[in-house]
Protein backbone atom coordinates (compact mmCIF):
# COMPACT_ATOMS: atom_id res chain seq x y z
CA UNK A 1 5.52 14.61 11.81
CA UNK A 2 4.50 12.84 14.98
CA UNK A 3 0.81 13.26 15.78
CA UNK A 4 -1.04 13.51 19.04
CA UNK A 5 -1.17 10.63 21.48
CA UNK A 6 -3.67 10.68 24.29
CA UNK A 7 -2.67 10.89 27.93
CA UNK A 8 -4.72 7.71 28.30
CA UNK A 9 -1.93 5.75 26.60
CA UNK A 10 -1.10 2.44 28.19
CA UNK A 11 2.06 2.26 30.27
CA UNK A 12 2.70 -1.34 29.17
CA UNK A 13 4.39 -0.19 25.97
CA UNK A 14 3.36 -0.39 22.35
CA UNK A 15 0.45 -2.53 21.22
CA UNK A 16 -0.23 -3.89 17.78
CA UNK A 17 -3.77 -3.63 16.46
CA UNK A 18 -5.45 -5.02 13.38
CA UNK A 19 -7.94 -2.48 12.05
CA UNK A 20 -10.69 -2.99 9.52
CA UNK A 21 -11.41 -0.04 7.21
CA UNK A 22 -14.47 0.43 5.04
CA UNK A 23 -16.15 3.07 2.89
CA UNK A 24 -19.00 3.12 0.41
CA UNK A 25 -19.64 6.84 -0.01
CA UNK A 26 -17.72 9.47 -1.85
CA UNK A 27 -16.08 12.18 0.25
CA UNK A 28 -16.25 15.78 -0.97
CA UNK A 29 -12.48 16.26 -0.62
CA UNK A 30 -10.95 12.78 -0.83
CA UNK A 31 -13.10 11.35 -3.62
CA UNK A 32 -14.34 7.78 -4.10
CA UNK A 33 -14.28 5.11 -1.36
CA UNK A 34 -10.85 3.72 -2.32
CA UNK A 35 -9.37 7.21 -1.99
CA UNK A 36 -11.19 7.68 1.34
CA UNK A 37 -9.39 4.61 2.71
CA UNK A 38 -6.01 5.94 1.54
CA UNK A 39 -6.77 9.29 3.21
CA UNK A 40 -7.85 7.51 6.41
CA UNK A 41 -4.55 5.59 6.54
CA UNK A 42 -2.67 8.85 6.09
CA UNK A 43 -4.72 10.38 8.91
CA UNK A 44 -3.91 7.46 11.22
CA UNK A 45 -0.20 8.07 10.59
CA UNK A 46 -0.65 11.83 11.11
CA UNK A 47 -2.22 11.09 14.51
CA UNK A 48 0.93 9.28 15.61
CA UNK A 49 -0.09 5.69 14.90
CA UNK A 50 2.64 3.66 13.21
CA UNK A 51 1.06 1.96 10.18
CA UNK A 52 3.15 -1.23 9.91
CA UNK A 53 1.23 -2.91 7.06
CA UNK A 54 -1.78 -2.28 4.90
CA UNK A 55 -3.72 -4.63 2.69
CA UNK A 56 -4.92 -4.09 -0.82
CA UNK A 57 -8.40 -2.57 -1.08
CA UNK A 58 -11.12 -5.07 -1.96
CA UNK A 59 -14.67 -4.49 -3.13
CA UNK A 60 -17.47 -6.18 -1.22
CA UNK A 61 -21.23 -6.35 -1.23
CA UNK A 62 -22.93 -4.33 1.51
CA UNK A 63 -24.58 -5.84 4.56
CA UNK A 64 -28.07 -4.57 5.28
CA UNK A 65 -29.96 -1.86 3.42
CA UNK A 66 -27.14 -0.03 1.63
CA UNK A 67 -27.09 -0.58 -2.12
CA UNK A 68 -23.53 0.65 -2.70
CA UNK A 69 -20.47 -1.58 -2.93
CA UNK A 70 -17.94 -1.16 -0.16
CA UNK A 71 -14.22 -0.65 -0.42
CA UNK A 72 -12.57 -2.58 2.42
CA UNK A 73 -9.00 -2.95 3.68
CA UNK A 74 -7.06 -3.90 6.78
CA UNK A 75 -4.11 -2.26 8.49
CA UNK A 76 -1.68 -3.26 11.20
CA UNK A 77 -0.85 -0.35 13.46
CA UNK A 78 1.36 0.08 16.48
CA UNK A 79 0.63 2.52 19.28
CA UNK A 80 0.94 2.94 23.02
CA UNK A 81 -2.79 3.70 23.21
CA UNK A 82 -4.94 1.32 25.21
CA UNK A 83 -8.05 0.00 23.41
CA UNK A 84 -10.54 2.61 24.75
CA UNK A 85 -8.22 5.49 23.83
CA UNK A 86 -7.65 4.06 20.36
CA UNK A 87 -11.41 3.62 19.88
CA UNK A 88 -11.97 7.26 20.87
CA UNK A 89 -9.35 8.36 18.33
CA UNK A 90 -10.89 6.20 15.58
CA UNK A 91 -14.35 7.67 16.28
CA UNK A 92 -12.88 11.18 16.11
CA UNK A 93 -11.30 10.38 12.74
CA UNK A 94 -14.61 8.98 11.46
CA UNK A 95 -16.37 12.19 12.52
CA UNK A 96 -13.67 14.19 10.76
CA UNK A 97 -14.58 12.36 7.57
CA UNK A 98 -18.25 13.24 8.04
CA UNK A 99 -19.62 10.21 9.87
CA UNK A 100 -22.30 11.07 12.39
CA UNK A 101 -23.22 8.91 15.38
CA UNK A 102 -26.65 7.34 15.45
CA UNK A 103 -26.87 6.60 11.73
CA UNK A 104 -28.75 3.73 10.20
CA UNK A 105 -27.22 0.35 11.08
CA UNK A 106 -25.29 -0.98 8.09
CA UNK A 107 -26.22 2.07 6.07
CA UNK A 108 -23.95 3.87 3.63
CA UNK A 109 -21.00 5.60 5.27
CA UNK A 110 -18.01 7.61 4.26
CA UNK A 111 -15.67 5.84 6.70
CA UNK A 112 -15.86 2.94 9.10
CA UNK A 113 -12.85 2.10 11.29
CA UNK A 114 -13.02 -1.00 13.49
CA UNK A 115 -10.61 -2.56 15.95
CA UNK A 116 -10.59 -6.22 14.93
CA UNK A 117 -7.74 -7.69 17.02
CA UNK A 118 -5.02 -6.44 19.35
CA UNK A 119 -1.81 -7.88 20.71
CA UNK A 120 -3.26 -7.98 24.22
CA UNK A 121 -5.74 -10.72 23.30
CA UNK A 122 -9.27 -10.05 24.52
CA UNK A 123 -10.92 -6.85 25.72
CA UNK A 124 -14.51 -6.46 26.82
CA UNK A 125 -16.09 -3.30 28.16
CA UNK A 126 -19.40 -1.65 27.36
CA UNK A 127 -19.01 -0.24 23.86
CA UNK A 128 -15.86 -2.17 22.92
CA UNK A 129 -15.25 -5.87 22.40
CA UNK A 130 -12.00 -7.22 21.00
CA UNK A 131 -11.82 -9.41 18.99
CA UNK A 132 -14.55 -7.77 16.96
CA UNK A 133 -17.59 -10.01 17.56
CA UNK A 134 -18.46 -10.64 13.88
CA UNK A 135 -15.09 -10.59 12.14
CA UNK A 136 -14.85 -14.39 11.72
CA UNK A 137 -17.89 -14.46 9.41
CA UNK A 138 -16.92 -11.49 7.26
CA UNK A 139 -14.78 -12.24 4.25
CA UNK A 140 -14.29 -8.53 3.60
CA UNK A 141 -12.46 -8.35 6.95
CA UNK A 142 -10.75 -11.75 7.04
CA UNK A 143 -9.42 -11.66 3.45
CA UNK A 144 -7.51 -8.36 3.76
CA UNK A 145 -6.46 -9.20 7.33
CA UNK A 146 -5.07 -12.62 6.36
CA UNK A 147 -3.11 -10.97 3.55
CA UNK A 148 -1.10 -8.83 5.99
CA UNK A 149 -1.12 -10.95 9.18
CA UNK A 150 -1.72 -14.59 8.15
CA UNK A 151 -0.23 -16.07 11.34
CA UNK A 152 -2.06 -13.84 13.86
CA UNK A 153 -4.22 -16.09 16.02
CA UNK A 154 -7.76 -15.33 17.05
CA UNK A 155 -7.61 -15.48 20.87
CA UNK A 156 -11.08 -17.03 21.02
CA UNK A 157 -10.78 -19.90 18.50
CA UNK A 158 -6.99 -20.27 18.40
CA UNK A 159 -7.11 -20.30 14.60
CA UNK A 160 -4.83 -18.13 12.49
CA UNK A 161 -6.27 -15.51 10.16
CA UNK A 162 -5.16 -17.71 7.27
CA UNK A 163 -7.14 -20.63 8.70
CA UNK A 164 -10.20 -18.45 9.30
CA UNK A 165 -9.96 -17.16 5.73
CA UNK A 166 -9.72 -20.72 4.36
CA UNK A 167 -12.83 -21.71 6.33
CA UNK A 168 -14.78 -18.86 4.71
CA UNK A 169 -13.55 -19.39 1.17
CA UNK A 170 -13.32 -23.16 0.75
CA UNK A 171 -15.96 -24.92 -1.20
CA UNK A 172 -18.05 -27.38 0.72
CA UNK A 173 -17.52 -30.99 -0.24
CA UNK A 174 -20.43 -32.81 -1.73
CA UNK A 175 -21.87 -35.60 0.42
CA UNK A 176 -20.86 -39.10 -0.61
């Protein structure tokens, strides 16, 4: 079934986006965080977004005050939606899963959906910056993303996701 696409869709044709997904709270209907991410991917498809690839789910330590482990994944989607329209849809999906705006920064959450990269390169407006400003330092984003789109280049650094992942995971050499 084809889902709803906003009238704010871009006329330039389909765009590819790399999304980051995260959860560290159980959902009353979908279950534990891993199942929340699977349900979120199904919801993206039901809304008319073509899910082209999805990573494995990885566990990660939380940032900030939350004490619960996160389940994280990445997905490549294709849609005609421009970045602001896609962001509005992602926020609506988060609310549908019980997320409320104005929560504690880095607190526990049922669902977090972030636009990490898009095929159009850079985007900067109040409330939305692409590439995601902190994705290069976050292994829980880079690892899953590099698994499904290793050759996608960061438009800011020019490095591929594989290269960014290697920079985060390599061991530092000892000084001579």
